[in-house]
Amino acid sequence: MRGGWNTDWTDLRRFTLIFREGLPAGRDQVQQISAISQIIATSILFCHQVSYFYKVPAFTFMPNTITYRAASGDYDLQAIMQLQKINLSAKISAEELKEQGFVTVDHDIGTLRDMNTPFGHSTAWDNDKLAGYALVMETRFRDRIPILFPMFELLDGIVCEGKPLQEWAYFVMGQVCVAKPYRGSGVFGGLYRDMQERLSGDFDFIVTEISTRNPRSIRAHEKVGFQNIHEYTDPWGEHWVVVALRLR
């Protein structure tokens, strides 16, 4: 590096041992380590300045301990309910609602239990901490959750790949939510991959609907392969996009 300090892999290994093992450092190495520290500090400050002005996270760390599995037992379902409740549209600010997305339906434990059988909800775990979930809702639940009945009536008649959805084996992804610390780290896509791996033998499509007030969710679903198959406005003026993901 012209006008600065020079190093090679031997130096870098030496610096690692100095920090990790407490080996003695010469004067030149102390100066180089100081220069490295200043560069790192400047880079961090720059990233946080960009984060402030553009309203994006300064750093997104990719969790390397995330595991995906079907929800099992009330402990998992209670964790889903807790994450769900803090992300309901009525519980978050208008700014967060627009930028981070939201969930609409507040499920009770009994409904979540029934929905979890026989096809379990997809969950993402960071050790014992729930990082996200995606709910499985079969069409038989149209009568269980009144707010969703009109949706099922509509879905059955939507034409998808040449025939109405009711002629395909499909289920509704009833709700997807990723905890704040894990957003943008791949958990969203991981939940859908888990669904595909576990449920492609039983279903042709995953279908869901997304409010156009939730552009973050729309973009996220497009990214994992969902296709727009219908749009409509409900009687209360809310505009919805219906999307589907081919499983087999």
C-alpha atoms as a PDB file:
ATOM      1  CA  MET A   1       0.000   0.000   0.000  1.00  0.00           C
ATOM      2  CA  ARG A   2       1.583   3.279  -1.110  1.00  0.00           C
ATOM      3  CA  GLY A   3       2.090   5.899   1.595  1.00  0.00           C
ATOM      4  CA  GLY A   4       0.857   3.527   4.292  1.00  0.00           C
ATOM      5  CA  TRP A   5       1.837   0.327   6.023  1.00  0.00           C
ATOM      6  CA  ASN A   6       2.752  -2.881   4.235  1.00  0.00           C
ATOM      7  CA  THR A   7       1.918  -6.346   5.452  1.00  0.00           C
ATOM      8  CA  ASP A   8       1.622  -9.942   4.256  1.00  0.00           C
ATOM      9  CA  TRP A   9      -0.034 -13.121   5.501  1.00  0.00           C
ATOM     10  CA  THR A  10       2.904 -13.795   7.858  1.00  0.00           C
ATOM     11  CA  ASP A  11       2.311 -10.406   9.501  1.00  0.00           C
ATOM     12  CA  LEU A  12      -1.429 -11.091   9.754  1.00  0.00           C
ATOM     13  CA  ARG A  13      -0.811 -14.452  11.422  1.00  0.00           C
ATOM     14  CA  ARG A  14       1.608 -12.730  13.798  1.00  0.00           C
ATOM     15  CA  PHE A  15      -1.016 -10.092  14.678  1.00  0.00           C
ATOM     16  CA  THR A  16      -3.528 -12.872  15.375  1.00  0.00           C
ATOM     17  CA  LEU A  17      -1.134 -14.580  17.766  1.00  0.00           C
ATOM     18  CA  ILE A  18      -0.334 -11.270  19.460  1.00  0.00           C
ATOM     19  CA  PHE A  19      -4.031 -10.713  20.239  1.00  0.00           C
ATOM     20  CA  ARG A  20      -4.967 -14.318  20.979  1.00  0.00           C
ATOM     21  CA  GLU A  21      -1.859 -15.638  22.735  1.00  0.00           C
ATOM     22  CA  GLY A  22      -0.423 -12.466  24.213  1.00  0.00           C
ATOM     23  CA  LEU A  23       2.885 -12.726  22.331  1.00  0.00           C
ATOM     24  CA  PRO A  24       5.244  -9.731  22.559  1.00  0.00           C
ATOM     25  CA  ALA A  25       4.921  -7.141  19.803  1.00  0.00           C
ATOM     26  CA  GLY A  26       7.706  -5.006  18.391  1.00  0.00           C
ATOM     27  CA  ARG A  27       7.460  -1.247  17.928  1.00  0.00           C
ATOM     28  CA  ASP A  28       6.692  -1.525  14.192  1.00  0.00           C
ATOM     29  CA  GLN A  29       3.971  -4.088  14.838  1.00  0.00           C
ATOM     30  CA  VAL A  30       2.408  -1.911  17.517  1.00  0.00           C
ATOM     31  CA  GLN A  31       2.276   0.953  14.994  1.00  0.00           C
ATOM     32  CA  GLN A  32       0.717  -1.317  12.362  1.00  0.00           C
ATOM     33  CA  ILE A  33      -1.857  -2.658  14.814  1.00  0.00           C
ATOM     34  CA  SER A  34      -2.715   0.930  15.754  1.00  0.00           C
ATOM     35  CA  ALA A  35      -3.156   1.785  12.074  1.00  0.00           C
ATOM     36  CA  ILE A  36      -5.425  -1.237  11.567  1.00  0.00           C
ATOM     37  CA  SER A  37      -7.530  -0.218  14.576  1.00  0.00           C
ATOM     38  CA  GLN A  38      -7.928   3.321  13.191  1.00  0.00           C
ATOM     39  CA  ILE A  39      -9.029   1.989   9.788  1.00  0.00           C
ATOM     40  CA  ILE A  40     -11.560  -0.360  11.392  1.00  0.00           C
ATOM     41  CA  ALA A  41     -12.922   2.425  13.613  1.00  0.00           C
ATOM     42  CA  THR A  42     -13.255   4.765  10.614  1.00  0.00           C
ATOM     43  CA  SER A  43     -15.042   2.056   8.605  1.00  0.00           C
ATOM     44  CA  ILE A  44     -17.494   1.390  11.429  1.00  0.00           C
ATOM     45  CA  LEU A  45     -18.230   5.101  11.792  1.00  0.00           C
ATOM     46  CA  PHE A  46     -18.826   5.395   8.042  1.00  0.00           C
ATOM     47  CA  CYS A  47     -21.206   2.407   8.062  1.00  0.00           C
ATOM     48  CA  HIS A  48     -23.224   3.885  10.910  1.00  0.00           C
ATOM     49  CA  GLN A  49     -23.412   7.247   9.110  1.00  0.00           C
ATOM     50  CA  VAL A  50     -24.757   5.477   6.014  1.00  0.00           C
ATOM     51  CA  SER A  51     -27.190   3.595   8.248  1.00  0.00           C
ATOM     52  CA  TYR A  52     -28.450   6.850   9.786  1.00  0.00           C
ATOM     53  CA  PHE A  53     -29.001   8.714   6.515  1.00  0.00           C
ATOM     54  CA  TYR A  54     -30.450   5.798   4.511  1.00  0.00           C
ATOM     55  CA  LYS A  55     -32.316   4.120   7.374  1.00  0.00           C
ATOM     56  CA  VAL A  56     -30.800   0.677   6.805  1.00  0.00           C
ATOM     57  CA  PRO A  57     -28.998  -1.549   9.332  1.00  0.00           C
ATOM     58  CA  ALA A  58     -25.312  -0.737   9.636  1.00  0.00           C
ATOM     59  CA  PHE A  59     -24.468  -4.438   9.755  1.00  0.00           C
ATOM     60  CA  THR A  60     -26.436  -7.598   9.102  1.00  0.00           C
ATOM     61  CA  PHE A  61     -24.869 -10.640  10.676  1.00  0.00           C
ATOM     62  CA  MET A  62     -25.721 -13.998   9.141  1.00  0.00           C
ATOM     63  CA  PRO A  63     -26.778 -16.322  11.943  1.00  0.00           C
ATOM     64  CA  ASN A  64     -24.815 -19.566  11.693  1.00  0.00           C
ATOM     65  CA  THR A  65     -26.751 -21.441  14.350  1.00  0.00           C
ATOM     66  CA  ILE A  66     -30.227 -21.305  12.774  1.00  0.00           C
ATOM     67  CA  THR A  67     -32.047 -24.625  12.518  1.00  0.00           C
ATOM     68  CA  TYR A  68     -35.389 -25.216  10.821  1.00  0.00           C
ATOM     69  CA  ARG A  69     -38.024 -27.733  11.831  1.00  0.00           C
ATOM     70  CA  ALA A  70     -41.740 -28.301  12.201  1.00  0.00           C
ATOM     71  CA  ALA A  71     -43.286 -26.831  15.340  1.00  0.00           C
ATOM     72  CA  SER A  72     -43.813 -29.440  18.047  1.00  0.00           C
ATOM     73  CA  GLY A  73     -45.710 -29.013  21.286  1.00  0.00           C
ATOM     74  CA  ASP A  74     -47.067 -26.039  23.183  1.00  0.00           C
ATOM     75  CA  TYR A  75     -43.623 -24.583  23.952  1.00  0.00           C
ATOM     76  CA  ASP A  76     -43.106 -23.912  20.234  1.00  0.00           C
ATOM     77  CA  LEU A  77     -46.653 -22.630  19.785  1.00  0.00           C
ATOM     78  CA  GLN A  78     -46.367 -20.259  22.744  1.00  0.00           C
ATOM     79  CA  ALA A  79     -43.148 -18.874  21.267  1.00  0.00           C
ATOM     80  CA  ILE A  80     -44.987 -18.296  17.982  1.00  0.00           C
ATOM     81  CA  MET A  81     -47.771 -16.450  19.801  1.00  0.00           C
ATOM     82  CA  GLN A  82     -45.308 -14.211  21.632  1.00  0.00           C
ATOM     83  CA  LEU A  83     -43.520 -13.209  18.422  1.00  0.00           C
ATOM     84  CA  GLN A  84     -46.855 -12.763  16.679  1.00  0.00           C
ATOM     85  CA  LYS A  85     -48.306 -10.421  19.277  1.00  0.00           C
ATOM     86  CA  ILE A  86     -45.428  -7.924  19.202  1.00  0.00           C
ATOM     87  CA  ASN A  87     -45.667  -7.679  15.409  1.00  0.00           C
ATOM     88  CA  LEU A  88     -49.414  -7.142  15.025  1.00  0.00           C
ATOM     89  CA  SER A  89     -50.230  -4.064  12.934  1.00  0.00           C
ATOM     90  CA  ALA A  90     -52.082  -2.546  15.898  1.00  0.00           C
ATOM     91  CA  LYS A  91     -48.992  -2.818  18.118  1.00  0.00           C
ATOM     92  CA  ILE A  92     -46.362  -1.093  15.972  1.00  0.00           C
ATOM     93  CA  SER A  93     -45.820   2.453  14.723  1.00  0.00           C
ATOM     94  CA  ALA A  94     -46.889   3.598  11.257  1.00  0.00           C
ATOM     95  CA  GLU A  95     -43.244   4.011  10.259  1.00  0.00           C
ATOM     96  CA  GLU A  96     -42.279   0.521  11.389  1.00  0.00           C
ATOM     97  CA  LEU A  97     -45.418  -0.885   9.777  1.00  0.00           C
ATOM     98  CA  LYS A  98     -44.315   0.514   6.426  1.00  0.00           C
ATOM     99  CA  GLU A  99     -40.598  -0.256   6.654  1.00  0.00           C
ATOM    100  CA  GLN A 100     -40.541  -3.554   8.552  1.00  0.00           C
ATOM    101  CA  GLY A 101     -43.876  -5.179   7.742  1.00  0.00           C
ATOM    102  CA  PHE A 102     -46.516  -6.574  10.106  1.00  0.00           C
ATOM    103  CA  VAL A 103     -48.910  -9.440  10.791  1.00  0.00           C
ATOM    104  CA  THR A 104     -52.691  -9.167  10.841  1.00  0.00           C
ATOM    105  CA  VAL A 105     -54.303 -12.148  12.579  1.00  0.00           C
ATOM    106  CA  ASP A 106     -53.870 -12.872  16.308  1.00  0.00           C
ATOM    107  CA  HIS A 107     -54.217 -16.656  16.681  1.00  0.00           C
ATOM    108  CA  ASP A 108     -55.210 -18.440  19.872  1.00  0.00           C
ATOM    109  CA  ILE A 109     -53.352 -21.503  21.129  1.00  0.00           C
ATOM    110  CA  GLY A 110     -56.186 -23.887  20.239  1.00  0.00           C
ATOM    111  CA  THR A 111     -56.262 -22.781  16.601  1.00  0.00           C
ATOM    112  CA  LEU A 112     -52.483 -22.969  16.316  1.00  0.00           C
ATOM    113  CA  ARG A 113     -52.562 -26.522  17.699  1.00  0.00           C
ATOM    114  CA  ASP A 114     -55.175 -27.635  15.175  1.00  0.00           C
ATOM    115  CA  MET A 115     -53.355 -25.943  12.293  1.00  0.00           C
ATOM    116  CA  ASN A 116     -50.129 -27.685  13.339  1.00  0.00           C
ATOM    117  CA  THR A 117     -51.631 -31.140  12.723  1.00  0.00           C
ATOM    118  CA  PRO A 118     -50.802 -33.081  10.634  1.00  0.00           C
ATOM    119  CA  PHE A 119     -48.543 -30.637   8.755  1.00  0.00           C
ATOM    120  CA  GLY A 120     -46.442 -28.682  11.221  1.00  0.00           C
ATOM    121  CA  HIS A 121     -45.717 -24.973  11.023  1.00  0.00           C
ATOM    122  CA  SER A 122     -42.200 -24.118   9.889  1.00  0.00           C
ATOM    123  CA  THR A 123     -40.044 -22.599  12.607  1.00  0.00           C
ATOM    124  CA  ALA A 124     -36.503 -21.204  12.728  1.00  0.00           C
ATOM    125  CA  TRP A 125     -34.496 -21.467  15.935  1.00  0.00           C
ATOM    126  CA  ASP A 126     -31.310 -19.858  17.177  1.00  0.00           C
ATOM    127  CA  ASN A 127     -30.604 -22.370  19.945  1.00  0.00           C
ATOM    128  CA  ASP A 128     -33.712 -21.952  22.156  1.00  0.00           C
ATOM    129  CA  LYS A 129     -34.746 -18.580  20.706  1.00  0.00           C
ATOM    130  CA  LEU A 130     -37.449 -18.417  18.022  1.00  0.00           C
ATOM    131  CA  ALA A 131     -36.062 -16.498  15.028  1.00  0.00           C
ATOM    132  CA  GLY A 132     -39.145 -16.823  12.830  1.00  0.00           C
ATOM    133  CA  TYR A 133     -42.139 -18.899  11.821  1.00  0.00           C
ATOM    134  CA  ALA A 134     -44.441 -19.604   8.874  1.00  0.00           C
ATOM    135  CA  LEU A 135     -47.867 -21.076   9.564  1.00  0.00           C
ATOM    136  CA  VAL A 136     -49.511 -23.900   7.649  1.00  0.00           C
ATOM    137  CA  MET A 137     -53.242 -23.449   7.109  1.00  0.00           C
ATOM    138  CA  GLU A 138     -55.147 -26.095   5.192  1.00  0.00           C
ATOM    139  CA  THR A 139     -58.310 -25.127   3.323  1.00  0.00           C
ATOM    140  CA  ARG A 140     -60.411 -26.981   5.937  1.00  0.00           C
ATOM    141  CA  PHE A 141     -59.785 -24.029   8.263  1.00  0.00           C
ATOM    142  CA  ARG A 142     -61.973 -21.693   6.219  1.00  0.00           C
ATOM    143  CA  ASP A 143     -64.718 -21.994   8.828  1.00  0.00           C
ATOM    144  CA  ARG A 144     -62.416 -21.764  11.866  1.00  0.00           C
ATOM    145  CA  ILE A 145     -61.149 -18.189  11.444  1.00  0.00           C
ATOM    146  CA  PRO A 146     -64.039 -15.909  10.378  1.00  0.00           C
ATOM    147  CA  ILE A 147     -61.805 -13.084   9.174  1.00  0.00           C
ATOM    148  CA  LEU A 148     -60.274 -15.450   6.598  1.00  0.00           C
ATOM    149  CA  PHE A 149     -63.472 -17.015   5.226  1.00  0.00           C
ATOM    150  CA  PRO A 150     -63.826 -14.510   2.345  1.00  0.00           C
ATOM    151  CA  MET A 151     -60.215 -15.182   1.397  1.00  0.00           C
ATOM    152  CA  PHE A 152     -60.810 -18.917   0.969  1.00  0.00           C
ATOM    153  CA  GLU A 153     -63.962 -18.286  -1.056  1.00  0.00           C
ATOM    154  CA  LEU A 154     -61.954 -16.052  -3.350  1.00  0.00           C
ATOM    155  CA  LEU A 155     -58.935 -18.366  -3.582  1.00  0.00           C
ATOM    156  CA  ASP A 156     -60.922 -21.392  -4.730  1.00  0.00           C
ATOM    157  CA  GLY A 157     -62.027 -19.567  -7.876  1.00  0.00           C
ATOM    158  CA  ILE A 158     -58.683 -17.998  -8.858  1.00  0.00           C
ATOM    159  CA  VAL A 159     -57.253 -19.561 -12.000  1.00  0.00           C
ATOM    160  CA  CYS A 160     -53.676 -20.755 -11.561  1.00  0.00           C
ATOM    161  CA  GLU A 161     -51.799 -22.433 -14.398  1.00  0.00           C
ATOM    162  CA  GLY A 162     -54.977 -23.013 -16.352  1.00  0.00           C
ATOM    163  CA  LYS A 163     -57.397 -24.243 -13.701  1.00  0.00           C
ATOM    164  CA  PRO A 164     -59.050 -23.014 -10.490  1.00  0.00           C
ATOM    165  CA  LEU A 165     -57.025 -23.334  -7.303  1.00  0.00           C
ATOM    166  CA  GLN A 166     -59.674 -25.597  -5.789  1.00  0.00           C
ATOM    167  CA  GLU A 167     -58.635 -28.226  -8.351  1.00  0.00           C
ATOM    168  CA  TRP A 168     -55.046 -28.114  -7.095  1.00  0.00           C
ATOM    169  CA  ALA A 169     -53.742 -29.444  -3.796  1.00  0.00           C
ATOM    170  CA  TYR A 170     -52.824 -26.207  -2.033  1.00  0.00           C
ATOM    171  CA  PHE A 171     -52.526 -24.812   1.439  1.00  0.00           C
ATOM    172  CA  VAL A 172     -52.415 -21.254   2.670  1.00  0.00           C
ATOM    173  CA  MET A 173     -49.308 -19.923   4.366  1.00  0.00           C
ATOM    174  CA  GLY A 174     -51.330 -18.422   7.177  1.00  0.00           C
ATOM    175  CA  GLN A 175     -48.696 -15.989   8.451  1.00  0.00           C
ATOM    176  CA  VAL A 176     -44.940 -15.481   8.308  1.00  0.00           C
ATOM    177  CA  CYS A 177     -42.905 -13.458  10.779  1.00  0.00           C
ATOM    178  CA  VAL A 178     -39.178 -13.023  11.393  1.00  0.00           C
ATOM    179  CA  ALA A 179     -37.900 -11.570  14.675  1.00  0.00           C
ATOM    180  CA  LYS A 180     -36.173  -8.195  14.297  1.00  0.00           C
ATOM    181  CA  PRO A 181     -32.585  -9.333  15.001  1.00  0.00           C
ATOM    182  CA  TYR A 182     -32.824 -11.893  12.180  1.00  0.00           C
ATOM    183  CA  ARG A 183     -34.394  -9.821   9.414  1.00  0.00           C
ATOM    184  CA  GLY A 184     -32.359  -9.651   6.252  1.00  0.00           C
ATOM    185  CA  SER A 185     -30.257 -12.661   7.261  1.00  0.00           C
ATOM    186  CA  GLY A 186     -31.915 -15.396   5.189  1.00  0.00           C
ATOM    187  CA  VAL A 187     -34.361 -16.711   7.795  1.00  0.00           C
ATOM    188  CA  PHE A 188     -37.390 -15.747   5.673  1.00  0.00           C
ATOM    189  CA  GLY A 189     -36.195 -17.833   2.726  1.00  0.00           C
ATOM    190  CA  GLY A 190     -35.140 -20.626   5.052  1.00  0.00           C
ATOM    191  CA  LEU A 191     -38.673 -20.968   6.414  1.00  0.00           C
ATOM    192  CA  TYR A 192     -40.069 -21.457   2.925  1.00  0.00           C
ATOM    193  CA  ARG A 193     -37.331 -23.922   2.001  1.00  0.00           C
ATOM    194  CA  ASP A 194     -38.311 -25.943   5.057  1.00  0.00           C
ATOM    195  CA  MET A 195     -41.939 -25.899   3.911  1.00  0.00           C
ATOM    196  CA  GLN A 196     -40.949 -27.028   0.418  1.00  0.00           C
ATOM    197  CA  GLU A 197     -38.788 -29.868   1.676  1.00  0.00           C
ATOM    198  CA  ARG A 198     -41.406 -31.183   4.099  1.00  0.00           C
ATOM    199  CA  LEU A 199     -44.663 -30.598   2.200  1.00  0.00           C
ATOM    200  CA  SER A 200     -43.947 -30.935  -1.524  1.00  0.00           C
ATOM    201  CA  GLY A 201     -45.091 -34.556  -1.397  1.00  0.00           C
ATOM    202  CA  ASP A 202     -48.596 -33.511  -0.318  1.00  0.00           C
ATOM    203  CA  PHE A 203     -49.261 -30.156  -1.994  1.00  0.00           C
ATOM    204  CA  ASP A 204     -48.877 -28.507  -5.401  1.00  0.00           C
ATOM    205  CA  PHE A 205     -48.824 -24.899  -4.215  1.00  0.00           C
ATOM    206  CA  ILE A 206     -48.315 -22.629  -1.230  1.00  0.00           C
ATOM    207  CA  VAL A 207     -50.694 -19.674  -1.519  1.00  0.00           C
ATOM    208  CA  THR A 208     -50.913 -16.516   0.539  1.00  0.00           C
ATOM    209  CA  GLU A 209     -52.211 -12.980   0.288  1.00  0.00           C
ATOM    210  CA  ILE A 210     -50.358  -9.821   1.211  1.00  0.00           C
ATOM    211  CA  SER A 211     -51.669  -6.320   1.832  1.00  0.00           C
ATOM    212  CA  THR A 212     -50.175  -3.728  -0.492  1.00  0.00           C
ATOM    213  CA  ARG A 213     -49.548  -1.726   2.706  1.00  0.00           C
ATOM    214  CA  ASN A 214     -46.849  -4.314   3.358  1.00  0.00           C
ATOM    215  CA  PRO A 215     -44.385  -3.799   0.459  1.00  0.00           C
ATOM    216  CA  ARG A 216     -41.528  -5.380   2.397  1.00  0.00           C
ATOM    217  CA  SER A 217     -43.414  -8.679   2.543  1.00  0.00           C
ATOM    218  CA  ILE A 218     -44.360  -8.484  -1.140  1.00  0.00           C
ATOM    219  CA  ARG A 219     -40.708  -8.043  -2.139  1.00  0.00           C
ATOM    220  CA  ALA A 220     -39.587 -10.832   0.186  1.00  0.00           C
ATOM    221  CA  HIS A 221     -42.102 -13.288  -1.321  1.00  0.00           C
ATOM    222  CA  GLU A 222     -41.083 -12.355  -4.863  1.00  0.00           C
ATOM    223  CA  LYS A 223     -37.460 -13.022  -3.919  1.00  0.00           C
ATOM    224  CA  VAL A 224     -38.157 -16.619  -2.869  1.00  0.00           C
ATOM    225  CA  GLY A 225     -40.149 -17.353  -6.045  1.00  0.00           C
ATOM    226  CA  PHE A 226     -43.803 -16.503  -5.393  1.00  0.00           C
ATOM    227  CA  GLN A 227     -45.808 -15.385  -8.435  1.00  0.00           C
ATOM    228  CA  ASN A 228     -48.623 -12.844  -8.428  1.00  0.00           C
ATOM    229  CA  ILE A 229     -51.815 -14.669  -9.467  1.00  0.00           C
ATOM    230  CA  HIS A 230     -54.517 -12.185  -8.437  1.00  0.00           C
ATOM    231  CA  GLU A 231     -55.220  -8.782  -6.880  1.00  0.00           C
ATOM    232  CA  TYR A 232     -58.373  -7.465  -5.271  1.00  0.00           C
ATOM    233  CA  THR A 233     -59.763  -4.814  -2.932  1.00  0.00           C
ATOM    234  CA  ASP A 234     -61.823  -5.970   0.044  1.00  0.00           C
ATOM    235  CA  PRO A 235     -65.041  -4.261   1.226  1.00  0.00           C
ATOM    236  CA  TRP A 236     -63.041  -2.163   3.716  1.00  0.00           C
ATOM    237  CA  GLY A 237     -60.821  -0.679   1.025  1.00  0.00           C
ATOM    238  CA  GLU A 238     -57.735  -2.812   1.716  1.00  0.00           C
ATOM    239  CA  HIS A 239     -55.915  -3.907  -1.455  1.00  0.00           C
ATOM    240  CA  TRP A 240     -54.452  -7.418  -1.515  1.00  0.00           C
ATOM    241  CA  VAL A 241     -52.029  -9.336  -3.708  1.00  0.00           C
ATOM    242  CA  VAL A 242     -52.503 -13.112  -3.944  1.00  0.00           C
ATOM    243  CA  VAL A 243     -49.265 -15.007  -4.628  1.00  0.00           C
ATOM    244  CA  ALA A 244     -48.450 -18.672  -5.159  1.00  0.00           C
ATOM    245  CA  LEU A 245     -45.307 -20.810  -4.983  1.00  0.00           C
ATOM    246  CA  ARG A 246     -45.085 -24.080  -6.955  1.00  0.00           C
ATOM    247  CA  LEU A 247     -43.993 -27.011  -4.787  1.00  0.00           C
ATOM    248  CA  ARG A 248     -43.893 -29.836  -7.331  1.00  0.00           C
END
